[in-house]
Amino acid sequence: MQFQFNSDHTVMGTENVAERIEAMMREKLARFEERLTRLEVHVSDVNGAKHGADDKHCTIEARPRSGKPIGVTGKADKVDDAARKAANTLAQRLERHFGKSEKHKHDPRPEKAL
């Protein structure tokens, strides 16, 4: 799985942001790694120098090998928290996405008894 990290200039002020977020994402989404071609993460600070509630945004776009891209967004006061929220939401969405395809692929249609 290819990992791509994008951010605006205000977020990169702290050290190792990209490495921390990539490690957290890979750990959180490890069970889906073989089924995804790319994970694209965008991190931004909406207010810039001003501080406010939920002003850090993390948007993740996951590209499954089959199907359309899945996108989620997390908002929080800190970049790491926003990334964690987005990763949790993405894990739930991927579980539903892949779970449905697996269920429909293997369950035969039940016989109707009259």
Protein backbone atom coordinates (compact mmCIF):
# COMPACT_ATOMS: atom_id res chain seq x y z
CA MET A 1 0.00 0.00 0.00
CA GLN A 2 1.37 3.36 -1.03
CA PHE A 3 1.14 6.14 1.58
CA GLN A 4 0.96 9.80 0.54
CA PHE A 5 0.99 12.65 3.10
CA ASN A 6 -0.01 16.24 2.30
CA SER A 7 -0.21 19.22 4.65
CA ASP A 8 -0.32 22.97 4.69
CA HIS A 9 2.57 25.06 6.00
CA THR A 10 1.01 25.67 9.46
CA VAL A 11 0.82 21.98 10.39
CA MET A 12 4.43 21.11 9.62
CA GLY A 13 5.70 23.25 12.53
CA THR A 14 5.86 20.21 14.81
CA GLU A 15 8.53 17.61 14.16
CA ASN A 16 7.88 14.16 12.74
CA VAL A 17 4.21 14.83 11.96
CA ALA A 18 4.28 12.82 8.75
CA GLU A 19 6.14 9.88 10.33
CA ARG A 20 3.84 9.76 13.38
CA ILE A 21 0.68 9.88 11.31
CA GLU A 22 1.92 7.30 8.79
CA ALA A 23 2.89 4.88 11.57
CA MET A 24 -0.47 5.33 13.28
CA MET A 25 -2.39 4.85 10.00
CA ARG A 26 -0.44 1.74 9.04
CA GLU A 27 -1.01 0.24 12.49
CA LYS A 28 -4.72 1.08 12.54
CA LEU A 29 -5.37 -0.13 8.97
CA ALA A 30 -2.92 -3.06 8.82
CA ARG A 31 -5.65 -5.66 8.29
CA PHE A 32 -6.74 -3.87 5.09
CA GLU A 33 -3.25 -3.24 3.69
CA GLU A 34 -3.41 -6.01 1.05
CA ARG A 35 -6.77 -4.75 -0.21
CA LEU A 36 -5.75 -1.09 -0.63
CA THR A 37 -3.54 0.36 -3.33
CA ARG A 38 -3.06 3.82 -1.83
CA LEU A 39 -3.82 5.83 1.28
CA GLU A 40 -3.77 9.61 0.81
CA VAL A 41 -3.78 11.81 3.94
CA HIS A 42 -4.37 15.58 3.91
CA VAL A 43 -3.82 17.53 7.14
CA SER A 44 -4.64 21.21 7.53
CA ASP A 45 -5.16 23.93 10.11
CA VAL A 46 -8.32 25.83 9.23
CA ASN A 47 -7.63 28.89 11.39
CA GLY A 48 -3.88 29.15 10.83
CA ALA A 49 -2.24 31.04 13.70
CA LYS A 50 -5.55 31.53 15.53
CA HIS A 51 -6.59 28.68 17.79
CA GLY A 52 -10.10 27.31 17.99
CA ALA A 53 -12.13 24.22 18.68
CA ASP A 54 -11.70 21.49 16.07
CA ASP A 55 -9.56 23.67 13.81
CA LYS A 56 -7.25 20.81 12.71
CA HIS A 57 -8.69 18.68 9.90
CA CYS A 58 -7.47 15.34 8.60
CA THR A 59 -8.97 13.96 5.40
CA ILE A 60 -8.11 10.42 4.31
CA GLU A 61 -8.85 8.88 0.94
CA ALA A 62 -8.42 5.12 0.69
CA ARG A 63 -8.25 3.46 -2.71
CA PRO A 64 -9.47 -0.16 -2.62
CA ARG A 65 -8.15 -2.48 -5.32
CA SER A 66 -11.72 -2.89 -6.50
CA GLY A 67 -14.36 -0.23 -6.19
CA LYS A 68 -14.53 3.50 -5.72
CA PRO A 69 -12.31 5.53 -3.36
CA ILE A 70 -13.53 5.95 0.21
CA GLY A 71 -13.01 9.31 1.92
CA VAL A 72 -13.41 10.39 5.55
CA THR A 73 -12.61 13.50 7.61
CA GLY A 74 -11.67 13.94 11.26
CA LYS A 75 -11.64 17.22 13.17
CA ALA A 76 -9.95 17.96 16.51
CA ASP A 77 -7.87 20.48 18.45
CA LYS A 78 -4.62 18.59 17.69
CA VAL A 79 -3.37 17.13 14.42
CA ASP A 80 -2.75 13.67 15.90
CA ASP A 81 -6.25 13.54 17.38
CA ALA A 82 -7.83 14.56 14.07
CA ALA A 83 -5.82 11.85 12.27
CA ARG A 84 -6.84 9.25 14.87
CA LYS A 85 -10.53 10.13 14.49
CA ALA A 86 -10.31 9.94 10.71
CA ALA A 87 -8.44 6.60 10.88
CA ASN A 88 -11.08 5.13 13.22
CA THR A 89 -13.87 6.24 10.91
CA LEU A 90 -12.03 4.87 7.88
CA ALA A 91 -11.48 1.51 9.59
CA GLN A 92 -15.23 1.25 10.23
CA ARG A 93 -16.07 2.20 6.64
CA LEU A 94 -13.56 -0.30 5.22
CA GLU A 95 -14.89 -3.03 7.51
CA ARG A 96 -18.38 -2.43 6.14
CA HIS A 97 -17.15 -2.14 2.55
CA PHE A 98 -15.09 -5.31 2.55
CA GLY A 99 -17.45 -7.17 4.88
CA LYS A 100 -20.38 -6.65 2.53
CA SER A 101 -18.43 -7.79 -0.51
CA GLU A 102 -17.21 -10.89 1.32
CA LYS A 103 -20.70 -11.70 2.59
CA HIS A 104 -22.31 -11.39 -0.83
CA LYS A 105 -19.54 -13.28 -2.54
CA HIS A 106 -19.77 -16.44 -0.42
CA ASP A 107 -23.38 -16.79 0.76
CA PRO A 108 -25.48 -18.86 -1.61
CA ARG A 109 -29.06 -17.87 -2.12
CA PRO A 110 -31.26 -19.82 0.30
CA GLU A 111 -33.73 -22.33 -1.07
CA LYS A 112 -37.38 -21.43 -0.69
CA ALA A 113 -39.48 -24.13 0.91
CA LEU A 114 -43.17 -24.25 0.02
